[in-house]
All heavy atoms as atom14 arrays in JSON, in Angstrom:
{
  "sequence": "GLVQPILFLGWTLNFEMFFYLLFALCIRLHHREIVVTLIVMAIAALG",
  "atom14_mask": [
    [1, 1, 1, 1, 0, 0, 0, 0, 0, 0, 0, 0, 0, 0],
    [1, 1, 1, 1, 1, 1, 1, 1, 0, 0, 0, 0, 0, 0],
    [1, 1, 1, 1, 1, 1, 1, 0, 0, 0, 0, 0, 0, 0],
    [1, 1, 1, 1, 1, 1, 1, 1, 1, 0, 0, 0, 0, 0],
    [1, 1, 1, 1, 1, 1, 1, 0, 0, 0, 0, 0, 0, 0],
    [1, 1, 1, 1, 1, 1, 1, 1, 0, 0, 0, 0, 0, 0],
    [1, 1, 1, 1, 1, 1, 1, 1, 0, 0, 0, 0, 0, 0],
    [1, 1, 1, 1, 1, 1, 1, 1, 1, 1, 1, 0, 0, 0],
    [1, 1, 1, 1, 1, 1, 1, 1, 0, 0, 0, 0, 0, 0],
    [1, 1, 1, 1, 0, 0, 0, 0, 0, 0, 0, 0, 0, 0],
    [1, 1, 1, 1, 1, 1, 1, 1, 1, 1, 1, 1, 1, 1],
    [1, 1, 1, 1, 1, 1, 1, 0, 0, 0, 0, 0, 0, 0],
    [1, 1, 1, 1, 1, 1, 1, 1, 0, 0, 0, 0, 0, 0],
    [1, 1, 1, 1, 1, 1, 1, 1, 0, 0, 0, 0, 0, 0],
    [1, 1, 1, 1, 1, 1, 1, 1, 1, 1, 1, 0, 0, 0],
    [1, 1, 1, 1, 1, 1, 1, 1, 1, 0, 0, 0, 0, 0],
    [1, 1, 1, 1, 1, 1, 1, 1, 0, 0, 0, 0, 0, 0],
    [1, 1, 1, 1, 1, 1, 1, 1, 1, 1, 1, 0, 0, 0],
    [1, 1, 1, 1, 1, 1, 1, 1, 1, 1, 1, 0, 0, 0],
    [1, 1, 1, 1, 1, 1, 1, 1, 1, 1, 1, 1, 0, 0],
    [1, 1, 1, 1, 1, 1, 1, 1, 0, 0, 0, 0, 0, 0],
    [1, 1, 1, 1, 1, 1, 1, 1, 0, 0, 0, 0, 0, 0],
    [1, 1, 1, 1, 1, 1, 1, 1, 1, 1, 1, 0, 0, 0],
    [1, 1, 1, 1, 1, 0, 0, 0, 0, 0, 0, 0, 0, 0],
    [1, 1, 1, 1, 1, 1, 1, 1, 0, 0, 0, 0, 0, 0],
    [1, 1, 1, 1, 1, 1, 0, 0, 0, 0, 0, 0, 0, 0],
    [1, 1, 1, 1, 1, 1, 1, 1, 0, 0, 0, 0, 0, 0],
    [1, 1, 1, 1, 1, 1, 1, 1, 1, 1, 1, 0, 0, 0],
    [1, 1, 1, 1, 1, 1, 1, 1, 0, 0, 0, 0, 0, 0],
    [1, 1, 1, 1, 1, 1, 1, 1, 1, 1, 0, 0, 0, 0],
    [1, 1, 1, 1, 1, 1, 1, 1, 1, 1, 0, 0, 0, 0],
    [1, 1, 1, 1, 1, 1, 1, 1, 1, 1, 1, 0, 0, 0],
    [1, 1, 1, 1, 1, 1, 1, 1, 1, 0, 0, 0, 0, 0],
    [1, 1, 1, 1, 1, 1, 1, 1, 0, 0, 0, 0, 0, 0],
    [1, 1, 1, 1, 1, 1, 1, 0, 0, 0, 0, 0, 0, 0],
    [1, 1, 1, 1, 1, 1, 1, 0, 0, 0, 0, 0, 0, 0],
    [1, 1, 1, 1, 1, 1, 1, 0, 0, 0, 0, 0, 0, 0],
    [1, 1, 1, 1, 1, 1, 1, 1, 0, 0, 0, 0, 0, 0],
    [1, 1, 1, 1, 1, 1, 1, 1, 0, 0, 0, 0, 0, 0],
    [1, 1, 1, 1, 1, 1, 1, 0, 0, 0, 0, 0, 0, 0],
    [1, 1, 1, 1, 1, 1, 1, 1, 0, 0, 0, 0, 0, 0],
    [1, 1, 1, 1, 1, 0, 0, 0, 0, 0, 0, 0, 0, 0],
    [1, 1, 1, 1, 1, 1, 1, 1, 0, 0, 0, 0, 0, 0],
    [1, 1, 1, 1, 1, 0, 0, 0, 0, 0, 0, 0, 0, 0],
    [1, 1, 1, 1, 1, 0, 0, 0, 0, 0, 0, 0, 0, 0],
    [1, 1, 1, 1, 1, 1, 1, 1, 0, 0, 0, 0, 0, 0],
    [1, 1, 1, 1, 0, 0, 0, 0, 0, 0, 0, 0, 0, 0]
  ],
  "atom14_positions": [
    [[11.33, 37.56, 15.36], [11.79, 36.4, 16.23], [11.98, 36.91, 17.74], [12.45, 36.1, 18.56], [0.0, 0.0, 0.0], [0.0, 0.0, 0.0], [0.0, 0.0, 0.0], [0.0, 0.0, 0.0], [0.0, 0.0, 0.0], [0.0, 0.0, 0.0], [0.0, 0.0, 0.0], [0.0, 0.0, 0.0], [0.0, 0.0, 0.0], [0.0, 0.0, 0.0]],
    [[11.6, 38.24, 18.05], [11.88, 38.72, 19.33], [10.43, 38.84, 20.11], [9.48, 38.98, 19.48], [12.59, 40.01, 19.21], [13.86, 40.13, 18.61], [14.33, 41.55, 18.39], [14.83, 39.37, 19.46], [0.0, 0.0, 0.0], [0.0, 0.0, 0.0], [0.0, 0.0, 0.0], [0.0, 0.0, 0.0], [0.0, 0.0, 0.0], [0.0, 0.0, 0.0]],
    [[10.55, 38.65, 21.43], [9.32, 38.72, 22.22], [9.23, 40.22, 22.66], [9.75, 40.54, 23.84], [9.39, 37.76, 23.42], [8.09, 37.9, 24.22], [9.6, 36.31, 23.02], [0.0, 0.0, 0.0], [0.0, 0.0, 0.0], [0.0, 0.0, 0.0], [0.0, 0.0, 0.0], [0.0, 0.0, 0.0], [0.0, 0.0, 0.0], [0.0, 0.0, 0.0]],
    [[8.53, 40.9, 21.81], [8.38, 42.37, 21.98], [7.11, 42.87, 21.52], [6.63, 42.34, 20.4], [9.55, 43.1, 21.29], [10.88, 42.95, 21.8], [11.94, 43.57, 20.92], [11.75, 44.01, 19.8], [13.17, 43.77, 21.43], [0.0, 0.0, 0.0], [0.0, 0.0, 0.0], [0.0, 0.0, 0.0], [0.0, 0.0, 0.0], [0.0, 0.0, 0.0]],
    [[6.47, 43.73, 22.25], [5.22, 44.36, 21.67], [5.49, 45.42, 20.58], [6.68, 45.57, 20.16], [4.65, 45.12, 22.88], [5.76, 45.47, 23.69], [6.77, 44.27, 23.5], [0.0, 0.0, 0.0], [0.0, 0.0, 0.0], [0.0, 0.0, 0.0], [0.0, 0.0, 0.0], [0.0, 0.0, 0.0], [0.0, 0.0, 0.0], [0.0, 0.0, 0.0]],
    [[4.54, 46.1, 20.07], [4.68, 47.06, 19.07], [5.72, 48.2, 19.5], [6.66, 48.51, 18.61], [3.28, 47.72, 18.59], [2.51, 46.6, 17.87], [3.52, 48.92, 17.74], [1.09, 47.08, 17.55], [0.0, 0.0, 0.0], [0.0, 0.0, 0.0], [0.0, 0.0, 0.0], [0.0, 0.0, 0.0], [0.0, 0.0, 0.0], [0.0, 0.0, 0.0]],
    [[5.46, 48.71, 20.59], [6.44, 49.63, 21.13], [7.43, 48.72, 21.85], [7.21, 48.29, 22.98], [5.8, 50.67, 22.04], [6.63, 51.87, 22.49], [5.65, 52.95, 22.91], [7.62, 51.66, 23.53], [0.0, 0.0, 0.0], [0.0, 0.0, 0.0], [0.0, 0.0, 0.0], [0.0, 0.0, 0.0], [0.0, 0.0, 0.0], [0.0, 0.0, 0.0]],
    [[8.69, 48.43, 21.23], [9.48, 47.33, 21.69], [9.8, 47.27, 23.08], [9.99, 46.28, 23.77], [10.61, 47.09, 20.65], [11.75, 47.99, 20.91], [12.89, 47.59, 21.66], [11.86, 49.27, 20.3], [13.92, 48.42, 21.91], [12.91, 50.06, 20.43], [13.9, 49.75, 21.21], [0.0, 0.0, 0.0], [0.0, 0.0, 0.0], [0.0, 0.0, 0.0]],
    [[10.1, 48.49, 23.7], [10.62, 48.57, 25.08], [9.35, 48.2, 25.97], [9.64, 48.11, 27.19], [11.19, 49.92, 25.41], [12.61, 50.07, 24.93], [13.15, 51.51, 25.16], [13.55, 49.17, 25.69], [0.0, 0.0, 0.0], [0.0, 0.0, 0.0], [0.0, 0.0, 0.0], [0.0, 0.0, 0.0], [0.0, 0.0, 0.0], [0.0, 0.0, 0.0]],
    [[8.18, 48.16, 25.5], [7.12, 47.67, 26.2], [7.23, 46.37, 26.81], [6.51, 45.86, 27.72], [0.0, 0.0, 0.0], [0.0, 0.0, 0.0], [0.0, 0.0, 0.0], [0.0, 0.0, 0.0], [0.0, 0.0, 0.0], [0.0, 0.0, 0.0], [0.0, 0.0, 0.0], [0.0, 0.0, 0.0], [0.0, 0.0, 0.0], [0.0, 0.0, 0.0]],
    [[8.32, 45.52, 26.4], [8.45, 44.12, 26.95], [8.75, 44.26, 28.47], [8.34, 43.42, 29.28], [9.58, 43.46, 26.29], [10.97, 43.93, 26.56], [11.61, 44.8, 25.8], [11.88, 43.58, 27.6], [12.89, 44.99, 26.22], [13.01, 44.23, 27.44], [11.8, 42.63, 28.66], [14.16, 44.15, 28.16], [12.85, 42.53, 29.49], [13.97, 43.31, 29.25]],
    [[9.31, 45.39, 28.86], [9.64, 45.62, 30.31], [8.35, 45.94, 31.06], [8.17, 45.56, 32.19], [10.68, 46.72, 30.53], [10.16, 47.89, 29.96], [11.99, 46.38, 29.82], [0.0, 0.0, 0.0], [0.0, 0.0, 0.0], [0.0, 0.0, 0.0], [0.0, 0.0, 0.0], [0.0, 0.0, 0.0], [0.0, 0.0, 0.0], [0.0, 0.0, 0.0]],
    [[7.37, 46.55, 30.36], [6.16, 46.86, 31.01], [5.32, 45.66, 31.14], [4.57, 45.52, 32.17], [5.3, 47.92, 30.09], [5.97, 49.26, 29.9], [5.12, 50.17, 29.24], [6.32, 49.87, 31.34], [0.0, 0.0, 0.0], [0.0, 0.0, 0.0], [0.0, 0.0, 0.0], [0.0, 0.0, 0.0], [0.0, 0.0, 0.0], [0.0, 0.0, 0.0]],
    [[5.53, 44.6, 30.26], [4.85, 43.22, 30.58], [5.29, 42.8, 31.96], [4.45, 42.4, 32.66], [5.31, 42.37, 29.55], [4.66, 42.7, 28.14], [3.79, 43.44, 28.05], [5.21, 42.09, 27.07], [0.0, 0.0, 0.0], [0.0, 0.0, 0.0], [0.0, 0.0, 0.0], [0.0, 0.0, 0.0], [0.0, 0.0, 0.0], [0.0, 0.0, 0.0]],
    [[6.58, 42.9, 32.29], [7.02, 42.48, 33.65], [6.52, 43.3, 34.73], [6.12, 42.86, 35.74], [8.64, 42.53, 33.69], [9.22, 41.29, 33.0], [9.93, 41.38, 31.91], [9.08, 40.03, 33.54], [10.53, 40.37, 31.3], [9.67, 38.99, 32.89], [10.46, 39.06, 31.79], [0.0, 0.0, 0.0], [0.0, 0.0, 0.0], [0.0, 0.0, 0.0]],
    [[6.42, 44.71, 34.48], [5.96, 45.56, 35.44], [4.43, 45.28, 35.73], [4.03, 45.11, 36.91], [5.96, 47.0, 34.9], [7.4, 47.69, 34.92], [7.79, 48.19, 36.27], [7.06, 48.09, 37.27], [8.95, 48.46, 36.39], [0.0, 0.0, 0.0], [0.0, 0.0, 0.0], [0.0, 0.0, 0.0], [0.0, 0.0, 0.0], [0.0, 0.0, 0.0]],
    [[3.63, 45.03, 34.76], [2.26, 44.72, 34.87], [2.1, 43.38, 35.72], [1.15, 43.07, 36.51], [1.5, 44.6, 33.64], [1.32, 46.02, 33.11], [0.24, 47.08, 34.18], [0.07, 48.59, 33.27], [0.0, 0.0, 0.0], [0.0, 0.0, 0.0], [0.0, 0.0, 0.0], [0.0, 0.0, 0.0], [0.0, 0.0, 0.0], [0.0, 0.0, 0.0]],
    [[2.96, 42.32, 35.37], [2.84, 41.1, 35.91], [3.23, 41.21, 37.48], [2.48, 40.65, 38.32], [4.0, 40.2, 35.23], [3.99, 38.78, 35.88], [2.8, 38.01, 35.81], [5.18, 38.28, 36.34], [2.9, 36.67, 36.37], [5.15, 36.9, 36.84], [4.02, 36.18, 36.95], [0.0, 0.0, 0.0], [0.0, 0.0, 0.0], [0.0, 0.0, 0.0]],
    [[4.22, 42.0, 37.79], [4.47, 42.24, 39.27], [3.38, 43.0, 39.92], [3.03, 42.63, 41.0], [5.74, 43.1, 39.35], [6.2, 43.44, 40.79], [6.57, 42.4, 41.54], [6.17, 44.74, 41.16], [6.89, 42.71, 42.98], [6.46, 45.12, 42.46], [6.79, 44.03, 43.44], [0.0, 0.0, 0.0], [0.0, 0.0, 0.0], [0.0, 0.0, 0.0]],
    [[2.77, 43.95, 39.31], [1.65, 44.68, 39.81], [0.54, 43.78, 40.06], [-0.08, 43.81, 41.16], [1.13, 45.74, 38.86], [1.98, 46.88, 38.52], [1.73, 47.75, 37.44], [3.19, 47.09, 39.27], [2.6, 48.74, 37.24], [4.09, 48.2, 38.93], [3.73, 48.97, 37.93], [4.57, 49.97, 37.56], [0.0, 0.0, 0.0], [0.0, 0.0, 0.0]],
    [[0.28, 42.77, 39.24], [-0.86, 41.75, 39.41], [-0.49, 40.96, 40.52], [-1.39, 40.65, 41.47], [-0.98, 40.93, 38.14], [-2.1, 39.86, 38.26], [-3.53, 40.42, 38.52], [-2.1, 39.08, 36.88], [0.0, 0.0, 0.0], [0.0, 0.0, 0.0], [0.0, 0.0, 0.0], [0.0, 0.0, 0.0], [0.0, 0.0, 0.0], [0.0, 0.0, 0.0]],
    [[0.72, 40.45, 40.68], [1.18, 39.56, 41.8], [0.95, 40.35, 43.13], [0.42, 39.89, 44.13], [2.53, 39.08, 41.67], [2.87, 38.13, 40.51], [4.36, 37.79, 40.52], [2.09, 36.85, 40.75], [0.0, 0.0, 0.0], [0.0, 0.0, 0.0], [0.0, 0.0, 0.0], [0.0, 0.0, 0.0], [0.0, 0.0, 0.0], [0.0, 0.0, 0.0]],
    [[1.37, 41.67, 43.16], [1.3, 42.45, 44.4], [-0.22, 42.73, 44.65], [-0.57, 42.66, 45.96], [2.0, 43.81, 44.16], [2.15, 44.51, 45.41], [3.33, 44.35, 46.18], [1.3, 45.45, 45.87], [3.61, 44.92, 47.3], [1.42, 46.1, 47.16], [2.63, 45.92, 47.78], [0.0, 0.0, 0.0], [0.0, 0.0, 0.0], [0.0, 0.0, 0.0]],
    [[-1.01, 42.92, 43.73], [-2.52, 43.17, 43.97], [-3.15, 41.85, 44.54], [-3.98, 41.93, 45.4], [-3.23, 43.61, 42.58], [0.0, 0.0, 0.0], [0.0, 0.0, 0.0], [0.0, 0.0, 0.0], [0.0, 0.0, 0.0], [0.0, 0.0, 0.0], [0.0, 0.0, 0.0], [0.0, 0.0, 0.0], [0.0, 0.0, 0.0], [0.0, 0.0, 0.0]],
    [[-2.68, 40.79, 44.2], [-3.28, 39.58, 44.63], [-2.91, 39.24, 46.1], [-3.63, 38.55, 46.87], [-2.78, 38.28, 43.92], [-3.28, 38.29, 42.38], [-2.7, 37.18, 41.64], [-4.86, 38.13, 42.42], [0.0, 0.0, 0.0], [0.0, 0.0, 0.0], [0.0, 0.0, 0.0], [0.0, 0.0, 0.0], [0.0, 0.0, 0.0], [0.0, 0.0, 0.0]],
    [[-1.69, 39.83, 46.52], [-1.25, 39.69, 47.93], [-1.59, 40.85, 48.78], [-1.24, 40.79, 49.98], [0.37, 39.54, 47.87], [0.82, 38.16, 47.03], [0.0, 0.0, 0.0], [0.0, 0.0, 0.0], [0.0, 0.0, 0.0], [0.0, 0.0, 0.0], [0.0, 0.0, 0.0], [0.0, 0.0, 0.0], [0.0, 0.0, 0.0], [0.0, 0.0, 0.0]],
    [[-2.35, 41.91, 48.28], [-2.36, 43.12, 48.98], [-3.06, 43.19, 50.24], [-2.93, 43.94, 51.24], [-3.07, 44.21, 47.94], [-2.56, 45.63, 48.36], [-4.51, 44.1, 48.03], [-2.76, 46.69, 47.29], [0.0, 0.0, 0.0], [0.0, 0.0, 0.0], [0.0, 0.0, 0.0], [0.0, 0.0, 0.0], [0.0, 0.0, 0.0], [0.0, 0.0, 0.0]],
    [[-4.05, 42.13, 50.52], [-4.76, 42.03, 51.73], [-4.15, 41.16, 52.8], [-4.68, 41.01, 53.82], [-6.13, 41.62, 51.45], [-7.07, 42.72, 50.69], [-8.53, 42.27, 50.59], [-9.1, 42.3, 51.89], [-9.64, 43.34, 52.38], [-9.59, 44.54, 51.74], [-10.29, 43.27, 53.57], [0.0, 0.0, 0.0], [0.0, 0.0, 0.0], [0.0, 0.0, 0.0]],
    [[-3.03, 40.55, 52.35], [-2.39, 39.65, 53.3], [-1.45, 40.43, 54.34], [-1.07, 41.57, 54.0], [-1.38, 38.78, 52.52], [-2.18, 37.81, 51.43], [-1.02, 36.95, 50.74], [-3.13, 36.92, 52.15], [0.0, 0.0, 0.0], [0.0, 0.0, 0.0], [0.0, 0.0, 0.0], [0.0, 0.0, 0.0], [0.0, 0.0, 0.0], [0.0, 0.0, 0.0]],
    [[-1.38, 39.84, 55.48], [-0.73, 40.59, 56.62], [0.79, 40.84, 56.32], [1.28, 41.91, 56.53], [-0.78, 39.64, 57.93], [-0.27, 40.36, 59.08], [-0.6, 41.71, 59.47], [0.72, 39.94, 59.88], [0.04, 41.97, 60.63], [0.95, 41.04, 60.93], [0.0, 0.0, 0.0], [0.0, 0.0, 0.0], [0.0, 0.0, 0.0], [0.0, 0.0, 0.0]],
    [[1.47, 39.86, 55.64], [2.86, 40.02, 55.3], [3.06, 40.15, 53.78], [3.77, 39.26, 53.25], [3.74, 39.06, 55.91], [3.79, 39.13, 57.44], [4.36, 40.13, 58.26], [3.28, 38.24, 58.43], [4.27, 39.86, 59.4], [3.51, 38.73, 59.61], [0.0, 0.0, 0.0], [0.0, 0.0, 0.0], [0.0, 0.0, 0.0], [0.0, 0.0, 0.0]],
    [[2.25, 41.06, 53.17], [2.23, 40.97, 51.73], [3.55, 41.09, 51.0], [3.82, 40.51, 50.07], [1.2, 41.88, 51.21], [1.63, 43.4, 51.52], [0.41, 44.36, 51.18], [0.74, 45.62, 51.24], [-0.23, 46.7, 51.36], [-1.45, 46.39, 51.18], [0.12, 47.99, 51.46], [0.0, 0.0, 0.0], [0.0, 0.0, 0.0], [0.0, 0.0, 0.0]],
    [[4.38, 41.84, 51.52], [5.79, 42.14, 50.9], [6.51, 40.81, 50.9], [7.24, 40.6, 49.94], [6.45, 43.35, 51.54], [5.84, 44.65, 51.43], [4.87, 45.0, 52.43], [4.72, 44.21, 53.39], [4.17, 45.97, 52.41], [0.0, 0.0, 0.0], [0.0, 0.0, 0.0], [0.0, 0.0, 0.0], [0.0, 0.0, 0.0], [0.0, 0.0, 0.0]],
    [[6.49, 40.18, 52.08], [7.27, 38.91, 52.11], [6.72, 37.87, 51.27], [7.46, 37.21, 50.52], [7.23, 38.43, 53.57], [8.0, 39.4, 54.51], [7.95, 37.08, 53.67], [8.1, 39.1, 56.03], [0.0, 0.0, 0.0], [0.0, 0.0, 0.0], [0.0, 0.0, 0.0], [0.0, 0.0, 0.0], [0.0, 0.0, 0.0], [0.0, 0.0, 0.0]],
    [[5.37, 37.8, 51.22], [4.7, 36.87, 50.4], [4.98, 37.04, 48.91], [5.31, 36.13, 48.19], [3.15, 36.83, 50.55], [2.46, 35.81, 49.58], [2.92, 36.39, 52.1], [0.0, 0.0, 0.0], [0.0, 0.0, 0.0], [0.0, 0.0, 0.0], [0.0, 0.0, 0.0], [0.0, 0.0, 0.0], [0.0, 0.0, 0.0], [0.0, 0.0, 0.0]],
    [[4.93, 38.3, 48.36], [5.21, 38.64, 47.08], [6.68, 38.28, 46.62], [6.82, 37.83, 45.54], [4.74, 40.03, 46.58], [5.75, 41.0, 47.06], [4.38, 40.13, 45.14], [0.0, 0.0, 0.0], [0.0, 0.0, 0.0], [0.0, 0.0, 0.0], [0.0, 0.0, 0.0], [0.0, 0.0, 0.0], [0.0, 0.0, 0.0], [0.0, 0.0, 0.0]],
    [[7.45, 38.54, 47.6], [8.88, 38.24, 47.44], [9.15, 36.74, 47.23], [9.82, 36.26, 46.31], [9.83, 38.72, 48.48], [9.64, 40.17, 48.64], [11.23, 38.37, 48.36], [0.0, 0.0, 0.0], [0.0, 0.0, 0.0], [0.0, 0.0, 0.0], [0.0, 0.0, 0.0], [0.0, 0.0, 0.0], [0.0, 0.0, 0.0], [0.0, 0.0, 0.0]],
    [[8.49, 35.99, 48.05], [8.66, 34.48, 47.91], [8.05, 34.01, 46.65], [8.55, 33.02, 45.96], [7.96, 33.82, 49.05], [8.64, 34.04, 50.43], [7.82, 33.43, 51.55], [9.99, 33.42, 50.54], [0.0, 0.0, 0.0], [0.0, 0.0, 0.0], [0.0, 0.0, 0.0], [0.0, 0.0, 0.0], [0.0, 0.0, 0.0], [0.0, 0.0, 0.0]],
    [[6.97, 34.61, 46.13], [6.26, 34.27, 44.86], [7.2, 34.56, 43.69], [7.41, 33.64, 42.77], [4.89, 34.89, 44.6], [3.94, 34.35, 45.76], [4.38, 34.72, 43.26], [2.56, 35.06, 45.73], [0.0, 0.0, 0.0], [0.0, 0.0, 0.0], [0.0, 0.0, 0.0], [0.0, 0.0, 0.0], [0.0, 0.0, 0.0], [0.0, 0.0, 0.0]],
    [[7.73, 35.68, 43.83], [8.72, 36.07, 42.61], [9.86, 35.13, 42.64], [10.25, 34.69, 41.43], [9.14, 37.57, 42.84], [10.37, 37.93, 41.9], [7.99, 38.51, 42.5], [0.0, 0.0, 0.0], [0.0, 0.0, 0.0], [0.0, 0.0, 0.0], [0.0, 0.0, 0.0], [0.0, 0.0, 0.0], [0.0, 0.0, 0.0], [0.0, 0.0, 0.0]],
    [[10.48, 34.77, 43.72], [11.61, 34.03, 43.77], [11.26, 32.5, 43.32], [11.98, 31.84, 42.52], [12.22, 33.9, 45.13], [12.84, 35.15, 45.52], [13.59, 35.04, 47.28], [14.56, 36.6, 47.24], [0.0, 0.0, 0.0], [0.0, 0.0, 0.0], [0.0, 0.0, 0.0], [0.0, 0.0, 0.0], [0.0, 0.0, 0.0], [0.0, 0.0, 0.0]],
    [[10.01, 32.06, 43.67], [9.57, 30.76, 43.19], [9.25, 30.77, 41.73], [9.74, 29.73, 40.97], [8.3, 30.44, 43.9], [0.0, 0.0, 0.0], [0.0, 0.0, 0.0], [0.0, 0.0, 0.0], [0.0, 0.0, 0.0], [0.0, 0.0, 0.0], [0.0, 0.0, 0.0], [0.0, 0.0, 0.0], [0.0, 0.0, 0.0], [0.0, 0.0, 0.0]],
    [[8.83, 31.77, 41.09], [8.6, 31.86, 39.67], [9.92, 31.9, 39.04], [10.16, 31.12, 37.99], [7.82, 33.08, 39.34], [6.32, 33.0, 39.88], [7.82, 33.36, 37.8], [5.51, 34.25, 39.7], [0.0, 0.0, 0.0], [0.0, 0.0, 0.0], [0.0, 0.0, 0.0], [0.0, 0.0, 0.0], [0.0, 0.0, 0.0], [0.0, 0.0, 0.0]],
    [[10.92, 32.57, 39.44], [12.23, 32.65, 38.88], [12.95, 31.39, 38.95], [13.47, 30.89, 38.09], [13.08, 33.66, 39.55], [0.0, 0.0, 0.0], [0.0, 0.0, 0.0], [0.0, 0.0, 0.0], [0.0, 0.0, 0.0], [0.0, 0.0, 0.0], [0.0, 0.0, 0.0], [0.0, 0.0, 0.0], [0.0, 0.0, 0.0], [0.0, 0.0, 0.0]],
    [[12.73, 30.52, 40.1], [13.3, 29.27, 40.29], [12.66, 28.24, 39.31], [13.33, 27.51, 38.65], [13.17, 28.72, 41.65], [0.0, 0.0, 0.0], [0.0, 0.0, 0.0], [0.0, 0.0, 0.0], [0.0, 0.0, 0.0], [0.0, 0.0, 0.0], [0.0, 0.0, 0.0], [0.0, 0.0, 0.0], [0.0, 0.0, 0.0], [0.0, 0.0, 0.0]],
    [[11.34, 28.29, 39.03], [10.65, 27.41, 37.99], [11.24, 27.75, 36.65], [11.53, 26.81, 35.98], [9.19, 27.75, 38.07], [8.38, 27.09, 39.21], [6.98, 27.59, 39.23], [8.41, 25.61, 39.1], [0.0, 0.0, 0.0], [0.0, 0.0, 0.0], [0.0, 0.0, 0.0], [0.0, 0.0, 0.0], [0.0, 0.0, 0.0], [0.0, 0.0, 0.0]],
    [[11.46, 28.98, 36.32], [11.96, 29.3, 35.02], [13.35, 28.91, 34.86], [13.83, 28.65, 33.76], [0.0, 0.0, 0.0], [0.0, 0.0, 0.0], [0.0, 0.0, 0.0], [0.0, 0.0, 0.0], [0.0, 0.0, 0.0], [0.0, 0.0, 0.0], [0.0, 0.0, 0.0], [0.0, 0.0, 0.0], [0.0, 0.0, 0.0], [0.0, 0.0, 0.0]]
  ]
}
């Protein structure tokens, strides 16, 4: 009943990879760090 991969601490790597993906999508933007921060905050607010 837990949301965990086979190597159970890998659930944190799911978040790492998700953040990497968001950052990669913003990487060519002029203020990419600010943009990715706003996206992360918006996602957390939705949740």
